[in-house]
PDB file of all heavy atoms in Angstrom:
ATOM      1  N   PRO A   1       0.810  -1.234  -0.002  1.00  0.00           N
ATOM      2  CA  PRO A   1       0.004  -0.001  -0.013  1.00  0.00           C
ATOM      3  C   PRO A   1       0.832   1.269   0.000  1.00  0.00           C
ATOM      4  O   PRO A   1       2.047   1.249   0.277  1.00  0.00           O
ATOM      5  CB  PRO A   1      -0.791  -0.137   1.307  1.00  0.00           C
ATOM      6  CG  PRO A   1       0.106  -0.906   2.190  1.00  0.00           C
ATOM      7  CD  PRO A   1       0.823  -1.895   1.316  1.00  0.00           C
ATOM      8  N   THR A   2       0.189   2.364  -0.279  1.00  0.00           N
ATOM      9  CA  THR A   2       0.803   3.674  -0.239  1.00  0.00           C
ATOM     10  C   THR A   2       1.009   4.127   1.201  1.00  0.00           C
ATOM     11  O   THR A   2       0.418   3.571   2.131  1.00  0.00           O
ATOM     12  CB  THR A   2      -0.032   4.707  -1.005  1.00  0.00           C
ATOM     13  OG1 THR A   2      -1.330   4.760  -0.364  1.00  0.00           O
ATOM     14  CG2 THR A   2      -0.203   4.326  -2.459  1.00  0.00           C
ATOM     15  N   LEU A   3       1.832   5.157   1.387  1.00  0.00           N
ATOM     16  CA  LEU A   3       1.976   5.922   2.616  1.00  0.00           C
ATOM     17  C   LEU A   3       2.758   5.193   3.727  1.00  0.00           C
ATOM     18  O   LEU A   3       2.938   5.753   4.827  1.00  0.00           O
ATOM     19  CB  LEU A   3       0.626   6.391   3.188  1.00  0.00           C
ATOM     20  CG  LEU A   3      -0.244   7.200   2.251  1.00  0.00           C
ATOM     21  CD1 LEU A   3      -1.557   7.583   2.965  1.00  0.00           C
ATOM     22  CD2 LEU A   3       0.446   8.445   1.781  1.00  0.00           C
ATOM     23  N   THR A   4       3.187   3.963   3.512  1.00  0.00           N
ATOM     24  CA  THR A   4       3.858   3.203   4.580  1.00  0.00           C
ATOM     25  C   THR A   4       5.221   2.731   4.170  1.00  0.00           C
ATOM     26  O   THR A   4       5.488   2.469   2.989  1.00  0.00           O
ATOM     27  CB  THR A   4       2.993   2.016   5.016  1.00  0.00           C
ATOM     28  OG1 THR A   4       3.631   1.362   6.114  1.00  0.00           O
ATOM     29  CG2 THR A   4       2.844   1.007   3.881  1.00  0.00           C
ATOM     30  N   LYS A   5       6.081   2.587   5.176  1.00  0.00           N
ATOM     31  CA  LYS A   5       7.402   1.980   4.991  1.00  0.00           C
ATOM     32  C   LYS A   5       7.592   0.836   5.996  1.00  0.00           C
ATOM     33  O   LYS A   5       8.694   0.320   6.136  1.00  0.00           O
ATOM     34  CB  LYS A   5       8.510   3.018   5.194  1.00  0.00           C
ATOM     35  CG  LYS A   5       8.487   4.108   4.106  1.00  0.00           C
ATOM     36  CD  LYS A   5       9.630   5.114   4.333  1.00  0.00           C
ATOM     37  CE  LYS A   5       9.620   6.191   3.251  1.00  0.00           C
ATOM     38  NZ  LYS A   5      10.684   7.198   3.466  1.00  0.00           N
ATOM     39  N   ASN A   6       6.499   0.437   6.632  1.00  0.00           N
ATOM     40  CA  ASN A   6       6.554  -0.647   7.639  1.00  0.00           C
ATOM     41  C   ASN A   6       5.242  -1.419   7.585  1.00  0.00           C
ATOM     42  O   ASN A   6       4.358  -1.202   8.415  1.00  0.00           O
ATOM     43  CB  ASN A   6       6.787  -0.050   9.023  1.00  0.00           C
ATOM     44  CG  ASN A   6       7.181  -1.115  10.048  1.00  0.00           C
ATOM     45  OD1 ASN A   6       7.596  -2.210   9.698  1.00  0.00           O
ATOM     46  ND2 ASN A   6       7.034  -0.770  11.327  1.00  0.00           N
ATOM     47  N   TYR A   7       5.143  -2.330   6.602  1.00  0.00           N
ATOM     48  CA  TYR A   7       3.901  -3.038   6.329  1.00  0.00           C
ATOM     49  C   TYR A   7       3.937  -4.421   6.993  1.00  0.00           C
ATOM     50  O   TYR A   7       4.836  -5.217   6.706  1.00  0.00           O
ATOM     51  CB  TYR A   7       3.743  -3.175   4.819  1.00  0.00           C
ATOM     52  CG  TYR A   7       2.367  -3.625   4.334  1.00  0.00           C
ATOM     53  CD1 TYR A   7       1.233  -3.136   4.914  1.00  0.00           C
ATOM     54  CD2 TYR A   7       2.268  -4.490   3.265  1.00  0.00           C
ATOM     55  CE1 TYR A   7      -0.012  -3.540   4.462  1.00  0.00           C
ATOM     56  CE2 TYR A   7       1.041  -4.888   2.795  1.00  0.00           C
ATOM     57  CZ  TYR A   7      -0.095  -4.424   3.398  1.00  0.00           C
ATOM     58  OH  TYR A   7      -1.351  -4.775   2.940  1.00  0.00           O
ATOM     59  N   HIS A   8       2.987  -4.670   7.887  1.00  0.00           N
ATOM     60  CA  HIS A   8       3.027  -5.880   8.722  1.00  0.00           C
ATOM     61  C   HIS A   8       1.912  -6.895   8.393  1.00  0.00           C
ATOM     62  O   HIS A   8       0.844  -6.525   7.992  1.00  0.00           O
ATOM     63  CB  HIS A   8       2.876  -5.498  10.196  1.00  0.00           C
ATOM     64  CG  HIS A   8       4.120  -5.028  10.835  1.00  0.00           C
ATOM     65  ND1 HIS A   8       4.394  -5.162  12.193  1.00  0.00           N
ATOM     66  CD2 HIS A   8       5.216  -4.404  10.301  1.00  0.00           C
ATOM     67  CE1 HIS A   8       5.572  -4.653  12.467  1.00  0.00           C
ATOM     68  NE2 HIS A   8       6.096  -4.186  11.351  1.00  0.00           N
ATOM     69  N   TYR A   9       2.242  -8.154   8.617  1.00  0.00           N
ATOM     70  CA  TYR A   9       1.306  -9.275   8.491  1.00  0.00           C
ATOM     71  C   TYR A   9       0.750  -9.638   9.863  1.00  0.00           C
ATOM     72  O   TYR A   9       1.398  -9.450  10.904  1.00  0.00           O
ATOM     73  CB  TYR A   9       2.027 -10.520   7.933  1.00  0.00           C
ATOM     74  CG  TYR A   9       3.278 -10.868   8.690  1.00  0.00           C
ATOM     75  CD1 TYR A   9       3.220 -11.508   9.942  1.00  0.00           C
ATOM     76  CD2 TYR A   9       4.525 -10.545   8.191  1.00  0.00           C
ATOM     77  CE1 TYR A   9       4.358 -11.811  10.649  1.00  0.00           C
ATOM     78  CE2 TYR A   9       5.688 -10.855   8.901  1.00  0.00           C
ATOM     79  CZ  TYR A   9       5.596 -11.470  10.130  1.00  0.00           C
ATOM     80  OH  TYR A   9       6.736 -11.753  10.843  1.00  0.00           O
ATOM     81  N   GLU A  10      -0.506 -10.145   9.889  1.00  0.00           N
ATOM     82  CA  GLU A  10      -1.114 -10.702  11.094  1.00  0.00           C
ATOM     83  C   GLU A  10      -2.055 -11.814  10.641  1.00  0.00           C
ATOM     84  O   GLU A  10      -3.104 -11.541  10.068  1.00  0.00           O
ATOM     85  CB  GLU A  10      -1.909  -9.630  11.873  1.00  0.00           C
ATOM     86  CG  GLU A  10      -1.035  -8.480  12.398  1.00  0.00           C
ATOM     87  CD  GLU A  10      -1.832  -7.506  13.285  1.00  0.00           C
ATOM     88  OE1 GLU A  10      -2.985  -7.837  13.650  1.00  0.00           O
ATOM     89  OE2 GLU A  10      -1.263  -6.435  13.597  1.00  0.00           O
ATOM     90  N   VAL A  11      -1.717 -13.082  10.894  1.00  0.00           N
ATOM     91  CA  VAL A  11      -2.591 -14.184  10.526  1.00  0.00           C
ATOM     92  C   VAL A  11      -3.688 -14.359  11.539  1.00  0.00           C
ATOM     93  O   VAL A  11      -3.486 -14.211  12.745  1.00  0.00           O
ATOM     94  CB  VAL A  11      -1.758 -15.494  10.386  1.00  0.00           C
ATOM     95  CG1 VAL A  11      -1.101 -15.888  11.699  1.00  0.00           C
ATOM     96  CG2 VAL A  11      -2.662 -16.618   9.863  1.00  0.00           C
ATOM     97  N   GLU A  12      -4.911 -14.662  11.076  1.00  0.00           N
ATOM     98  CA  GLU A  12      -6.065 -14.740  11.974  1.00  0.00           C
ATOM     99  C   GLU A  12      -7.106 -15.747  11.520  1.00  0.00           C
ATOM    100  O   GLU A  12      -7.304 -15.964  10.319  1.00  0.00           O
ATOM    101  CB  GLU A  12      -6.742 -13.364  12.104  1.00  0.00           C
ATOM    102  CG  GLU A  12      -5.761 -12.236  12.405  1.00  0.00           C
ATOM    103  CD  GLU A  12      -6.353 -11.022  13.070  1.00  0.00           C
ATOM    104  OE1 GLU A  12      -7.554 -11.081  13.432  1.00  0.00           O
ATOM    105  OE2 GLU A  12      -5.612 -10.046  13.228  1.00  0.00           O
ATOM    106  N   LEU A  13      -7.791 -16.355  12.483  1.00  0.00           N
ATOM    107  CA  LEU A  13      -9.006 -17.096  12.198  1.00  0.00           C
ATOM    108  C   LEU A  13     -10.142 -16.121  12.058  1.00  0.00           C
ATOM    109  O   LEU A  13     -10.254 -15.155  12.816  1.00  0.00           O
ATOM    110  CB  LEU A  13      -9.286 -18.046  13.386  1.00  0.00           C
ATOM    111  CG  LEU A  13     -10.620 -18.821  13.317  1.00  0.00           C
ATOM    112  CD1 LEU A  13     -10.560 -19.890  12.231  1.00  0.00           C
ATOM    113  CD2 LEU A  13     -10.905 -19.482  14.681  1.00  0.00           C
ATOM    114  N   VAL A  14     -11.014 -16.357  11.050  1.00  0.00           N
ATOM    115  CA  VAL A  14     -12.142 -15.463  10.828  1.00  0.00           C
ATOM    116  C   VAL A  14     -13.458 -16.267  10.999  1.00  0.00           C
ATOM    117  O   VAL A  14     -13.594 -17.360  10.432  1.00  0.00           O
ATOM    118  CB  VAL A  14     -12.116 -14.888   9.384  1.00  0.00           C
ATOM    119  CG1 VAL A  14     -13.269 -13.910   9.187  1.00  0.00           C
ATOM    120  CG2 VAL A  14     -10.770 -14.222   9.136  1.00  0.00           C
ATOM    121  N   ALA A  15     -14.364 -15.716  11.793  1.00  0.00           N
ATOM    122  CA  ALA A  15     -15.672 -16.318  11.989  1.00  0.00           C
ATOM    123  C   ALA A  15     -16.705 -15.526  11.193  1.00  0.00           C
ATOM    124  O   ALA A  15     -16.707 -14.291  11.203  1.00  0.00           O
ATOM    125  CB  ALA A  15     -16.071 -16.312  13.464  1.00  0.00           C
ATOM    126  N   ALA A  16     -17.566 -16.229  10.468  1.00  0.00           N
ATOM    127  CA  ALA A  16     -18.604 -15.620   9.633  1.00  0.00           C
ATOM    128  C   ALA A  16     -19.977 -15.938  10.228  1.00  0.00           C
ATOM    129  O   ALA A  16     -20.280 -17.110  10.463  1.00  0.00           O
ATOM    130  CB  ALA A  16     -18.490 -16.151   8.191  1.00  0.00           C
ATOM    131  N   LEU A  17     -20.809 -14.933  10.400  1.00  0.00           N
ATOM    132  CA  LEU A  17     -22.081 -15.086  11.068  1.00  0.00           C
ATOM    133  C   LEU A  17     -23.247 -15.150  10.086  1.00  0.00           C
ATOM    134  O   LEU A  17     -23.276 -14.400   9.098  1.00  0.00           O
ATOM    135  CB  LEU A  17     -22.320 -13.924  12.075  1.00  0.00           C
ATOM    136  CG  LEU A  17     -21.206 -13.594  13.064  1.00  0.00           C
ATOM    137  CD1 LEU A  17     -21.708 -12.537  14.043  1.00  0.00           C
ATOM    138  CD2 LEU A  17     -20.723 -14.840  13.814  1.00  0.00           C
ATOM    139  N   ASN A  18     -24.230 -15.980  10.380  1.00  0.00           N
ATOM    140  CA  ASN A  18     -25.464 -16.014   9.574  1.00  0.00           C
ATOM    141  C   ASN A  18     -26.702 -15.744  10.434  1.00  0.00           C
ATOM    142  O   ASN A  18     -27.822 -15.826   9.973  1.00  0.00           O
ATOM    143  CB  ASN A  18     -25.641 -17.335   8.856  1.00  0.00           C
ATOM    144  CG  ASN A  18     -25.820 -18.530   9.773  1.00  0.00           C
ATOM    145  OD1 ASN A  18     -25.561 -18.416  10.990  1.00  0.00           O
ATOM    146  ND2 ASN A  18     -26.278 -19.647   9.242  1.00  0.00           N
ATOM    147  N   LYS A  19     -26.469 -15.413  11.707  1.00  0.00           N
ATOM    148  CA  LYS A  19     -27.521 -15.011  12.616  1.00  0.00           C
ATOM    149  C   LYS A  19     -27.041 -13.784  13.399  1.00  0.00           C
ATOM    150  O   LYS A  19     -25.863 -13.671  13.696  1.00  0.00           O
ATOM    151  CB  LYS A  19     -27.887 -16.129  13.587  1.00  0.00           C
ATOM    152  CG  LYS A  19     -28.580 -17.341  12.968  1.00  0.00           C
ATOM    153  CD  LYS A  19     -28.715 -18.467  13.975  1.00  0.00           C
ATOM    154  CE  LYS A  19     -29.520 -18.069  15.212  1.00  0.00           C
ATOM    155  NZ  LYS A  19     -29.653 -19.199  16.175  1.00  0.00           N
ATOM    156  N   GLY A  20     -27.967 -12.899  13.676  1.00  0.00           N
ATOM    157  CA  GLY A  20     -27.620 -11.700  14.446  1.00  0.00           C
ATOM    158  C   GLY A  20     -28.248 -11.650  15.790  1.00  0.00           C
ATOM    159  O   GLY A  20     -28.875 -12.617  16.252  1.00  0.00           O
ATOM    160  N   GLY A  21     -28.073 -10.529  16.451  1.00  0.00           N
ATOM    161  CA  GLY A  21     -28.712 -10.348  17.756  1.00  0.00           C
ATOM    162  C   GLY A  21     -27.983  -9.329  18.595  1.00  0.00           C
ATOM    163  O   GLY A  21     -26.889  -8.868  18.262  1.00  0.00           O
ATOM    164  N   LYS A  22     -28.642  -8.971  19.698  1.00  0.00           N
ATOM    165  CA  LYS A  22     -28.115  -8.024  20.665  1.00  0.00           C
ATOM    166  C   LYS A  22     -28.025  -8.704  22.015  1.00  0.00           C
ATOM    167  O   LYS A  22     -28.885  -9.510  22.374  1.00  0.00           O
ATOM    168  CB  LYS A  22     -29.060  -6.806  20.747  1.00  0.00           C
ATOM    169  CG  LYS A  22     -28.594  -5.692  21.629  1.00  0.00           C
ATOM    170  CD  LYS A  22     -27.524  -4.814  20.993  1.00  0.00           C
ATOM    171  CE  LYS A  22     -27.246  -3.608  21.868  1.00  0.00           C
ATOM    172  NZ  LYS A  22     -26.074  -2.857  21.403  1.00  0.00           N
ATOM    173  N   ASN A  23     -26.909  -8.448  22.713  1.00  0.00           N
ATOM    174  CA  ASN A  23     -26.703  -9.082  24.046  1.00  0.00           C
ATOM    175  C   ASN A  23     -26.880 -10.602  23.966  1.00  0.00           C
ATOM    176  O   ASN A  23     -27.629 -11.217  24.724  1.00  0.00           O
ATOM    177  CB  ASN A  23     -27.684  -8.503  25.065  1.00  0.00           C
ATOM    178  CG  ASN A  23     -27.427  -7.017  25.302  1.00  0.00           C
ATOM    179  OD1 ASN A  23     -26.291  -6.593  25.428  1.00  0.00           O
ATOM    180  ND2 ASN A  23     -28.489  -6.213  25.343  1.00  0.00           N
ATOM    181  N   ILE A  24     -26.136 -11.190  23.066  1.00  0.00           N
ATOM    182  CA  ILE A  24     -26.188 -12.645  22.851  1.00  0.00           C
ATOM    183  C   ILE A  24     -25.566 -13.365  24.015  1.00  0.00           C
ATOM    184  O   ILE A  24     -24.421 -13.037  24.417  1.00  0.00           O
ATOM    185  CB  ILE A  24     -25.459 -13.006  21.541  1.00  0.00           C
ATOM    186  CG1 ILE A  24     -26.155 -12.324  20.349  1.00  0.00           C
ATOM    187  CG2 ILE A  24     -25.389 -14.532  21.353  1.00  0.00           C
ATOM    188  CD1 ILE A  24     -25.370 -12.399  19.061  1.00  0.00           C
ATOM    189  N   PRO A  25     -26.226 -14.331  24.627  1.00  0.00           N
ATOM    190  CA  PRO A  25     -25.657 -15.068  25.771  1.00  0.00           C
ATOM    191  C   PRO A  25     -24.534 -16.013  25.298  1.00  0.00           C
ATOM    192  O   PRO A  25     -24.564 -16.508  24.158  1.00  0.00           O
ATOM    193  CB  PRO A  25     -26.844 -15.845  26.345  1.00  0.00           C
ATOM    194  CG  PRO A  25     -27.797 -15.974  25.191  1.00  0.00           C
ATOM    195  CD  PRO A  25     -27.631 -14.731  24.359  1.00  0.00           C
ATOM    196  N   PHE A  26     -23.596 -16.270  26.150  1.00  0.00           N
ATOM    197  CA  PHE A  26     -22.436 -17.077  25.825  1.00  0.00           C
ATOM    198  C   PHE A  26     -22.844 -18.459  25.311  1.00  0.00           C
ATOM    199  O   PHE A  26     -22.290 -18.947  24.299  1.00  0.00           O
ATOM    200  CB  PHE A  26     -21.524 -17.219  27.036  1.00  0.00           C
ATOM    201  CG  PHE A  26     -20.358 -18.140  26.809  1.00  0.00           C
ATOM    202  CD1 PHE A  26     -19.226 -17.712  26.138  1.00  0.00           C
ATOM    203  CD2 PHE A  26     -20.397 -19.470  27.243  1.00  0.00           C
ATOM    204  CE1 PHE A  26     -18.151 -18.567  25.925  1.00  0.00           C
ATOM    205  CE2 PHE A  26     -19.338 -20.333  27.022  1.00  0.00           C
ATOM    206  CZ  PHE A  26     -18.213 -19.892  26.364  1.00  0.00           C
TER     207      PHE A  26
END
């Protein structure tokens, strides 16, 4: 990308949701 001289990687697990809600219990 532009504007940077220190470009970093971060590997991550991604969770995708198909249901929503507010104040979801654990």
